[in-house]
C-alpha atoms as a PDB file:
ATOM      1  CA  UNK A   1     -10.716  24.607  17.023  1.00  0.00           C
ATOM      2  CA  UNK A   2     -10.637  20.879  16.276  1.00  0.00           C
ATOM      3  CA  UNK A   3      -7.185  19.368  15.867  1.00  0.00           C
ATOM      4  CA  UNK A   4      -6.632  17.979  12.380  1.00  0.00           C
ATOM      5  CA  UNK A   5      -3.725  15.693  13.323  1.00  0.00           C
ATOM      6  CA  UNK A   6      -5.172  13.658  16.190  1.00  0.00           C
ATOM      7  CA  UNK A   7      -8.228  13.249  18.392  1.00  0.00           C
ATOM      8  CA  UNK A   8      -8.160  13.617  22.166  1.00  0.00           C
ATOM      9  CA  UNK A   9     -10.777  12.349  24.610  1.00  0.00           C
ATOM     10  CA  UNK A  10     -11.081  13.333  28.287  1.00  0.00           C
ATOM     11  CA  UNK A  11      -8.181  15.795  28.260  1.00  0.00           C
ATOM     12  CA  UNK A  12      -8.850  16.821  31.866  1.00  0.00           C
ATOM     13  CA  UNK A  13      -9.311  13.289  33.150  1.00  0.00           C
ATOM     14  CA  UNK A  14      -8.072  12.523  36.632  1.00  0.00           C
ATOM     15  CA  UNK A  15      -7.286   8.936  35.668  1.00  0.00           C
ATOM     16  CA  UNK A  16      -3.637   7.898  35.532  1.00  0.00           C
ATOM     17  CA  UNK A  17      -4.314   5.801  32.424  1.00  0.00           C
ATOM     18  CA  UNK A  18      -3.306   7.086  28.989  1.00  0.00           C
ATOM     19  CA  UNK A  19      -4.652   5.240  25.927  1.00  0.00           C
ATOM     20  CA  UNK A  20      -2.682   5.793  22.723  1.00  0.00           C
ATOM     21  CA  UNK A  21      -3.559   4.682  19.206  1.00  0.00           C
ATOM     22  CA  UNK A  22      -0.931   5.616  16.653  1.00  0.00           C
ATOM     23  CA  UNK A  23      -2.490   3.948  13.595  1.00  0.00           C
ATOM     24  CA  UNK A  24      -6.122   4.919  14.101  1.00  0.00           C
ATOM     25  CA  UNK A  25      -6.713   6.849  10.881  1.00  0.00           C
ATOM     26  CA  UNK A  26      -6.092   6.607   7.145  1.00  0.00           C
ATOM     27  CA  UNK A  27      -6.374  10.255   6.158  1.00  0.00           C
ATOM     28  CA  UNK A  28      -3.811  11.860   3.861  1.00  0.00           C
ATOM     29  CA  UNK A  29      -3.486  15.669   3.632  1.00  0.00           C
ATOM     30  CA  UNK A  30      -5.001  16.891   0.371  1.00  0.00           C
ATOM     31  CA  UNK A  31      -1.737  18.330  -0.943  1.00  0.00           C
ATOM     32  CA  UNK A  32      -0.178  14.841  -0.988  1.00  0.00           C
ATOM     33  CA  UNK A  33      -2.671  13.473  -3.529  1.00  0.00           C
ATOM     34  CA  UNK A  34      -3.126  10.256  -1.541  1.00  0.00           C
ATOM     35  CA  UNK A  35       0.645   9.663  -1.785  1.00  0.00           C
ATOM     36  CA  UNK A  36      -0.085   8.055  -5.133  1.00  0.00           C
ATOM     37  CA  UNK A  37      -1.871   5.173  -3.377  1.00  0.00           C
ATOM     38  CA  UNK A  38      -5.260   3.926  -4.556  1.00  0.00           C
ATOM     39  CA  UNK A  39      -8.389   4.429  -2.463  1.00  0.00           C
ATOM     40  CA  UNK A  40      -8.691   0.649  -2.279  1.00  0.00           C
ATOM     41  CA  UNK A  41      -5.262   0.296  -0.675  1.00  0.00           C
ATOM     42  CA  UNK A  42      -5.916   3.187   1.684  1.00  0.00           C
ATOM     43  CA  UNK A  43      -8.786   1.098   3.066  1.00  0.00           C
ATOM     44  CA  UNK A  44      -6.469  -1.748   4.122  1.00  0.00           C
ATOM     45  CA  UNK A  45      -4.041  -2.568   6.924  1.00  0.00           C
ATOM     46  CA  UNK A  46      -1.158  -0.817   5.165  1.00  0.00           C
ATOM     47  CA  UNK A  47      -2.829   2.539   5.832  1.00  0.00           C
ATOM     48  CA  UNK A  48      -4.406   2.078   9.275  1.00  0.00           C
ATOM     49  CA  UNK A  49      -5.211  -0.407  12.045  1.00  0.00           C
ATOM     50  CA  UNK A  50      -8.800  -1.518  11.548  1.00  0.00           C
ATOM     51  CA  UNK A  51     -10.829  -1.328  14.754  1.00  0.00           C
ATOM     52  CA  UNK A  52      -8.097   0.256  16.863  1.00  0.00           C
ATOM     53  CA  UNK A  53      -9.664   3.721  16.934  1.00  0.00           C
ATOM     54  CA  UNK A  54     -13.060   2.320  17.881  1.00  0.00           C
ATOM     55  CA  UNK A  55     -11.647   0.261  20.754  1.00  0.00           C
ATOM     56  CA  UNK A  56      -9.553   3.189  22.009  1.00  0.00           C
ATOM     57  CA  UNK A  57     -12.513   5.548  22.079  1.00  0.00           C
ATOM     58  CA  UNK A  58     -14.716   3.012  23.828  1.00  0.00           C
ATOM     59  CA  UNK A  59     -12.036   2.385  26.448  1.00  0.00           C
ATOM     60  CA  UNK A  60     -11.768   6.105  27.147  1.00  0.00           C
ATOM     61  CA  UNK A  61     -15.542   6.333  27.533  1.00  0.00           C
ATOM     62  CA  UNK A  62     -15.800   3.272  29.779  1.00  0.00           C
ATOM     63  CA  UNK A  63     -12.836   4.135  32.002  1.00  0.00           C
ATOM     64  CA  UNK A  64     -13.095   7.925  31.945  1.00  0.00           C
ATOM     65  CA  UNK A  65      -9.435   8.136  30.973  1.00  0.00           C
ATOM     66  CA  UNK A  66      -7.504  10.150  28.407  1.00  0.00           C
ATOM     67  CA  UNK A  67      -7.086   8.770  24.895  1.00  0.00           C
ATOM     68  CA  UNK A  68      -5.243  10.096  21.873  1.00  0.00           C
ATOM     69  CA  UNK A  69      -5.737   8.658  18.385  1.00  0.00           C
ATOM     70  CA  UNK A  70      -3.879   9.673  15.236  1.00  0.00           C
ATOM     71  CA  UNK A  71      -5.945  10.821  12.259  1.00  0.00           C
ATOM     72  CA  UNK A  72      -3.398  10.545   9.474  1.00  0.00           C
ATOM     73  CA  UNK A  73      -2.219   7.350   7.846  1.00  0.00           C
ATOM     74  CA  UNK A  74       0.940   5.587   8.943  1.00  0.00           C
ATOM     75  CA  UNK A  75       1.937   5.890   5.267  1.00  0.00           C
ATOM     76  CA  UNK A  76       2.319   9.651   5.682  1.00  0.00           C
ATOM     77  CA  UNK A  77       4.438   9.183   8.806  1.00  0.00           C
ATOM     78  CA  UNK A  78       4.400   6.382  11.363  1.00  0.00           C
ATOM     79  CA  UNK A  79       3.667   7.721  14.829  1.00  0.00           C
ATOM     80  CA  UNK A  80       4.785   4.414  16.307  1.00  0.00           C
ATOM     81  CA  UNK A  81       8.399   4.821  15.224  1.00  0.00           C
ATOM     82  CA  UNK A  82      11.292   6.979  16.335  1.00  0.00           C
ATOM     83  CA  UNK A  83      12.223  10.043  14.257  1.00  0.00           C
ATOM     84  CA  UNK A  84      15.480   8.472  13.063  1.00  0.00           C
ATOM     85  CA  UNK A  85      14.051   5.073  12.044  1.00  0.00           C
ATOM     86  CA  UNK A  86      14.043   4.003   8.414  1.00  0.00           C
ATOM     87  CA  UNK A  87      10.448   2.795   8.752  1.00  0.00           C
ATOM     88  CA  UNK A  88       9.236   6.203   9.907  1.00  0.00           C
ATOM     89  CA  UNK A  89       8.205   6.884   6.291  1.00  0.00           C
ATOM     90  CA  UNK A  90       8.053   3.754   4.152  1.00  0.00           C
ATOM     91  CA  UNK A  91       8.617   3.543   0.397  1.00  0.00           C
ATOM     92  CA  UNK A  92       6.547   0.341   0.246  1.00  0.00           C
ATOM     93  CA  UNK A  93       4.240  -1.554   2.601  1.00  0.00           C
ATOM     94  CA  UNK A  94       3.281  -5.221   2.299  1.00  0.00           C
ATOM     95  CA  UNK A  95       4.534  -5.246  -1.317  1.00  0.00           C
ATOM     96  CA  UNK A  96       2.559  -2.104  -2.217  1.00  0.00           C
ATOM     97  CA  UNK A  97       4.622   0.844  -3.465  1.00  0.00           C
ATOM     98  CA  UNK A  98       4.050   4.264  -1.928  1.00  0.00           C
ATOM     99  CA  UNK A  99       5.102   6.542  -4.834  1.00  0.00           C
ATOM    100  CA  UNK A 100       5.244   9.857  -2.955  1.00  0.00           C
ATOM    101  CA  UNK A 101       7.512   8.334  -0.297  1.00  0.00           C
ATOM    102  CA  UNK A 102      10.181   7.100  -2.676  1.00  0.00           C
ATOM    103  CA  UNK A 103      13.437   9.053  -2.880  1.00  0.00           C
ATOM    104  CA  UNK A 104      12.183  11.334  -0.116  1.00  0.00           C
ATOM    105  CA  UNK A 105      14.576  14.166   0.696  1.00  0.00           C
ATOM    106  CA  UNK A 106      15.505  15.284   4.203  1.00  0.00           C
ATOM    107  CA  UNK A 107      13.571  18.539   3.875  1.00  0.00           C
ATOM    108  CA  UNK A 108      10.290  16.716   3.325  1.00  0.00           C
ATOM    109  CA  UNK A 109      11.083  14.208   6.055  1.00  0.00           C
ATOM    110  CA  UNK A 110      11.714  17.083   8.476  1.00  0.00           C
ATOM    111  CA  UNK A 111       8.518  18.807   7.323  1.00  0.00           C
ATOM    112  CA  UNK A 112       6.390  15.754   8.094  1.00  0.00           C
ATOM    113  CA  UNK A 113       8.038  15.318  11.480  1.00  0.00           C
ATOM    114  CA  UNK A 114       7.355  18.928  12.407  1.00  0.00           C
ATOM    115  CA  UNK A 115       3.745  19.022  11.188  1.00  0.00           C
ATOM    116  CA  UNK A 116       2.412  15.518  11.817  1.00  0.00           C
ATOM    117  CA  UNK A 117       4.675  13.681  14.287  1.00  0.00           C
ATOM    118  CA  UNK A 118       5.991  15.941  17.020  1.00  0.00           C
ATOM    119  CA  UNK A 119       2.583  17.492  17.888  1.00  0.00           C
ATOM    120  CA  UNK A 120       1.266  14.013  18.741  1.00  0.00           C
ATOM    121  CA  UNK A 121       4.040  13.381  21.242  1.00  0.00           C
ATOM    122  CA  UNK A 122       3.787  16.900  22.634  1.00  0.00           C
ATOM    123  CA  UNK A 123       0.104  16.268  23.375  1.00  0.00           C
ATOM    124  CA  UNK A 124       0.998  13.067  25.217  1.00  0.00           C
ATOM    125  CA  UNK A 125       3.643  14.844  27.273  1.00  0.00           C
ATOM    126  CA  UNK A 126       1.121  17.539  28.160  1.00  0.00           C
ATOM    127  CA  UNK A 127      -1.230  14.881  29.509  1.00  0.00           C
ATOM    128  CA  UNK A 128       1.639  13.280  31.424  1.00  0.00           C
ATOM    129  CA  UNK A 129       2.344  16.650  33.071  1.00  0.00           C
ATOM    130  CA  UNK A 130      -1.364  16.968  33.942  1.00  0.00           C
ATOM    131  CA  UNK A 131      -1.413  13.548  35.591  1.00  0.00           C
ATOM    132  CA  UNK A 132       1.850  14.177  37.436  1.00  0.00           C
ATOM    133  CA  UNK A 133       0.398  17.465  38.628  1.00  0.00           C
ATOM    134  CA  UNK A 134      -2.368  15.465  40.292  1.00  0.00           C
ATOM    135  CA  UNK A 135       0.255  13.501  42.204  1.00  0.00           C
ATOM    136  CA  UNK A 136      -0.254  10.349  40.112  1.00  0.00           C
ATOM    137  CA  UNK A 137       2.055   8.249  37.965  1.00  0.00           C
ATOM    138  CA  UNK A 138       0.924   7.727  34.352  1.00  0.00           C
ATOM    139  CA  UNK A 139       0.188   4.248  33.009  1.00  0.00           C
ATOM    140  CA  UNK A 140       0.262   3.690  29.235  1.00  0.00           C
ATOM    141  CA  UNK A 141      -1.797   1.288  27.150  1.00  0.00           C
ATOM    142  CA  UNK A 142      -1.601   1.285  23.360  1.00  0.00           C
ATOM    143  CA  UNK A 143      -4.140  -0.268  20.969  1.00  0.00           C
ATOM    144  CA  UNK A 144      -3.178  -1.693  17.569  1.00  0.00           C
ATOM    145  CA  UNK A 145      -4.433  -4.316  15.131  1.00  0.00           C
ATOM    146  CA  UNK A 146      -2.786  -6.589  12.571  1.00  0.00           C
ATOM    147  CA  UNK A 147      -3.748  -8.294   9.344  1.00  0.00           C
ATOM    148  CA  UNK A 148      -4.301 -12.079   9.523  1.00  0.00           C
ATOM    149  CA  UNK A 149      -1.780 -12.652   6.745  1.00  0.00           C
ATOM    150  CA  UNK A 150       0.824 -10.552   4.972  1.00  0.00           C
ATOM    151  CA  UNK A 151       1.312 -11.117   1.244  1.00  0.00           C
ATOM    152  CA  UNK A 152       3.393 -14.246   0.891  1.00  0.00           C
ATOM    153  CA  UNK A 153       3.438 -14.698   4.670  1.00  0.00           C
ATOM    154  CA  UNK A 154       2.098 -17.370   6.976  1.00  0.00           C
ATOM    155  CA  UNK A 155      -1.336 -17.158   8.578  1.00  0.00           C
ATOM    156  CA  UNK A 156      -1.246 -15.529  11.989  1.00  0.00           C
ATOM    157  CA  UNK A 157      -3.364 -17.723  14.284  1.00  0.00           C
ATOM    158  CA  UNK A 158      -3.620 -15.427  17.302  1.00  0.00           C
ATOM    159  CA  UNK A 159      -6.741 -13.414  18.033  1.00  0.00           C
ATOM    160  CA  UNK A 160      -4.490 -10.974  19.850  1.00  0.00           C
ATOM    161  CA  UNK A 161      -0.988 -10.465  21.137  1.00  0.00           C
ATOM    162  CA  UNK A 162       0.272  -8.535  24.158  1.00  0.00           C
ATOM    163  CA  UNK A 163       3.602  -6.807  23.567  1.00  0.00           C
ATOM    164  CA  UNK A 164       6.322  -5.450  25.820  1.00  0.00           C
ATOM    165  CA  UNK A 165       9.984  -4.541  25.437  1.00  0.00           C
ATOM    166  CA  UNK A 166      11.321  -4.915  28.958  1.00  0.00           C
ATOM    167  CA  UNK A 167       9.138  -6.794  31.483  1.00  0.00           C
ATOM    168  CA  UNK A 168       6.046  -4.743  32.265  1.00  0.00           C
ATOM    169  CA  UNK A 169       3.603  -5.323  35.111  1.00  0.00           C
ATOM    170  CA  UNK A 170       0.621  -4.061  33.123  1.00  0.00           C
ATOM    171  CA  UNK A 171       1.436  -6.061  30.000  1.00  0.00           C
ATOM    172  CA  UNK A 172       1.906  -9.237  32.043  1.00  0.00           C
ATOM    173  CA  UNK A 173      -1.379  -8.669  33.871  1.00  0.00           C
ATOM    174  CA  UNK A 174      -3.368  -8.113  30.656  1.00  0.00           C
ATOM    175  CA  UNK A 175      -1.690 -11.119  29.017  1.00  0.00           C
ATOM    176  CA  UNK A 176      -2.497 -13.450  31.915  1.00  0.00           C
ATOM    177  CA  UNK A 177      -6.110 -12.308  32.154  1.00  0.00           C
ATOM    178  CA  UNK A 178      -6.739 -12.633  28.421  1.00  0.00           C
ATOM    179  CA  UNK A 179      -5.192 -16.094  28.383  1.00  0.00           C
ATOM    180  CA  UNK A 180      -8.049 -17.215  30.625  1.00  0.00           C
ATOM    181  CA  UNK A 181     -10.427 -16.652  27.704  1.00  0.00           C
ATOM    182  CA  UNK A 182     -10.896 -20.123  26.214  1.00  0.00           C
ATOM    183  CA  UNK A 183     -12.463 -18.644  23.061  1.00  0.00           C
ATOM    184  CA  UNK A 184      -9.456 -16.440  22.215  1.00  0.00           C
ATOM    185  CA  UNK A 185      -5.898 -17.396  21.356  1.00  0.00           C
ATOM    186  CA  UNK A 186      -3.598 -14.775  22.870  1.00  0.00           C
ATOM    187  CA  UNK A 187       0.170 -14.743  22.423  1.00  0.00           C
ATOM    188  CA  UNK A 188       3.090 -12.883  23.961  1.00  0.00           C
ATOM    189  CA  UNK A 189       4.992 -10.507  21.670  1.00  0.00           C
ATOM    190  CA  UNK A 190       3.119 -11.648  18.572  1.00  0.00           C
ATOM    191  CA  UNK A 191       2.788 -11.035  15.694  1.00  0.00           C
ATOM    192  CA  UNK A 192       5.637  -8.572  16.346  1.00  0.00           C
ATOM    193  CA  UNK A 193       8.333  -9.070  18.968  1.00  0.00           C
ATOM    194  CA  UNK A 194       8.803  -5.839  20.858  1.00  0.00           C
ATOM    195  CA  UNK A 195      11.609  -7.477  22.861  1.00  0.00           C
ATOM    196  CA  UNK A 196      13.767  -7.308  19.731  1.00  0.00           C
ATOM    197  CA  UNK A 197      13.338  -3.562  19.375  1.00  0.00           C
ATOM    198  CA  UNK A 198      12.720  -0.518  21.542  1.00  0.00           C
ATOM    199  CA  UNK A 199      10.359   1.563  19.481  1.00  0.00           C
ATOM    200  CA  UNK A 200       6.768   2.739  19.725  1.00  0.00           C
ATOM    201  CA  UNK A 201       4.853   5.263  21.786  1.00  0.00           C
ATOM    202  CA  UNK A 202       4.537   3.054  24.889  1.00  0.00           C
ATOM    203  CA  UNK A 203       8.305   2.557  24.965  1.00  0.00           C
ATOM    204  CA  UNK A 204       9.200   6.170  24.134  1.00  0.00           C
ATOM    205  CA  UNK A 205       6.670   7.762  26.496  1.00  0.00           C
ATOM    206  CA  UNK A 206       6.213   4.923  28.971  1.00  0.00           C
ATOM    207  CA  UNK A 207       9.082   2.511  29.529  1.00  0.00           C
ATOM    208  CA  UNK A 208      11.897   5.011  28.965  1.00  0.00           C
ATOM    209  CA  UNK A 209      10.313   7.484  31.393  1.00  0.00           C
ATOM    210  CA  UNK A 210       9.843   4.838  34.079  1.00  0.00           C
ATOM    211  CA  UNK A 211       6.102   4.402  33.588  1.00  0.00           C
ATOM    212  CA  UNK A 212       4.143   1.165  33.441  1.00  0.00           C
ATOM    213  CA  UNK A 213       2.823   0.189  30.031  1.00  0.00           C
ATOM    214  CA  UNK A 214       1.399  -2.447  27.722  1.00  0.00           C
ATOM    215  CA  UNK A 215       0.429  -2.791  24.063  1.00  0.00           C
ATOM    216  CA  UNK A 216      -2.222  -4.966  22.463  1.00  0.00           C
ATOM    217  CA  UNK A 217      -2.319  -6.130  18.849  1.00  0.00           C
ATOM    218  CA  UNK A 218      -5.759  -7.464  17.844  1.00  0.00           C
ATOM    219  CA  UNK A 219      -6.164  -9.465  14.632  1.00  0.00           C
ATOM    220  CA  UNK A 220      -8.265  -7.203  12.461  1.00  0.00           C
ATOM    221  CA  UNK A 221     -10.798  -9.807  11.321  1.00  0.00           C
ATOM    222  CA  UNK A 222     -12.108  -9.501  14.875  1.00  0.00           C
ATOM    223  CA  UNK A 223     -13.605  -6.270  13.515  1.00  0.00           C
ATOM    224  CA  UNK A 224     -15.280  -7.649  10.396  1.00  0.00           C
ATOM    225  CA  UNK A 225     -18.418  -6.892  12.396  1.00  0.00           C
ATOM    226  CA  UNK A 226     -17.101  -3.590  13.689  1.00  0.00           C
ATOM    227  CA  UNK A 227     -19.660  -2.868  16.398  1.00  0.00           C
ATOM    228  CA  UNK A 228     -19.606  -6.377  17.783  1.00  0.00           C
ATOM    229  CA  UNK A 229     -15.832  -6.702  17.723  1.00  0.00           C
ATOM    230  CA  UNK A 230     -15.100  -3.273  19.153  1.00  0.00           C
ATOM    231  CA  UNK A 231     -17.690  -3.724  21.900  1.00  0.00           C
ATOM    232  CA  UNK A 232     -16.288  -7.127  22.909  1.00  0.00           C
ATOM    233  CA  UNK A 233     -12.670  -6.034  23.072  1.00  0.00           C
ATOM    234  CA  UNK A 234     -13.422  -2.723  24.751  1.00  0.00           C
ATOM    235  CA  UNK A 235     -15.625  -4.358  27.394  1.00  0.00           C
ATOM    236  CA  UNK A 236     -13.075  -7.055  28.225  1.00  0.00           C
ATOM    237  CA  UNK A 237     -10.067  -4.756  28.158  1.00  0.00           C
ATOM    238  CA  UNK A 238     -11.864  -2.131  30.241  1.00  0.00           C
ATOM    239  CA  UNK A 239     -12.648  -4.754  32.875  1.00  0.00           C
ATOM    240  CA  UNK A 240      -9.021  -5.947  32.957  1.00  0.00           C
ATOM    241  CA  UNK A 241      -7.543  -2.446  33.011  1.00  0.00           C
ATOM    242  CA  UNK A 242      -9.926  -1.338  35.741  1.00  0.00           C
ATOM    243  CA  UNK A 243      -8.957  -4.322  37.903  1.00  0.00           C
ATOM    244  CA  UNK A 244      -5.286  -3.552  37.368  1.00  0.00           C
ATOM    245  CA  UNK A 245      -5.602   0.111  38.242  1.00  0.00           C
ATOM    246  CA  UNK A 246      -7.541  -0.594  41.438  1.00  0.00           C
ATOM    247  CA  UNK A 247      -5.741  -3.699  42.698  1.00  0.00           C
END
């Protein structure tokens, strides 16, 4: 039976690489009536990371590794936060109110954690156990995208950013290799500074468990031509990741 919460690719892969994509989808369970958010807003960055799912799936296909991508919108519950964080379920996003999330009681918060959050992390841990059972050490890489400009915010000039909390060999390697691309502006810990926080799937499942990790944020106008953008980023990231894993 197909899982309704997330997608998994190459579950029995022998690769040590785990691709995660927490903001891949914009679905909302029918009983939530779109959380009171318009269809137009559910097709924007507040609901999902444009292009991230496509890049994640292509990476899994090219590298033969495991990938997991969330189906439901970050507005329902944010898979890239810790259970106790205020931003786990937001009442507003980029100056857009989320009516069904306002004045949320603890019972509903616990319900969403149980149904839509914990199963995602349990699936990741199952894959970790599979890889460890093969005598290998997991390596995490997470794919995200960001809007060029938040409402009232400054333009974000980077084509992509590589993020890490504590120094990470994989993140540094990807950052250095992408910086060699003269046609792309790549920053460190932009547009979000992971060094100022310790949240997200790569930190929770990777760094804190002693595993190597990295996270990429790609500016989402790179996917205005979805096929072209996803193909470019997947091809270049696959080449870099492959070199790292075999060096």
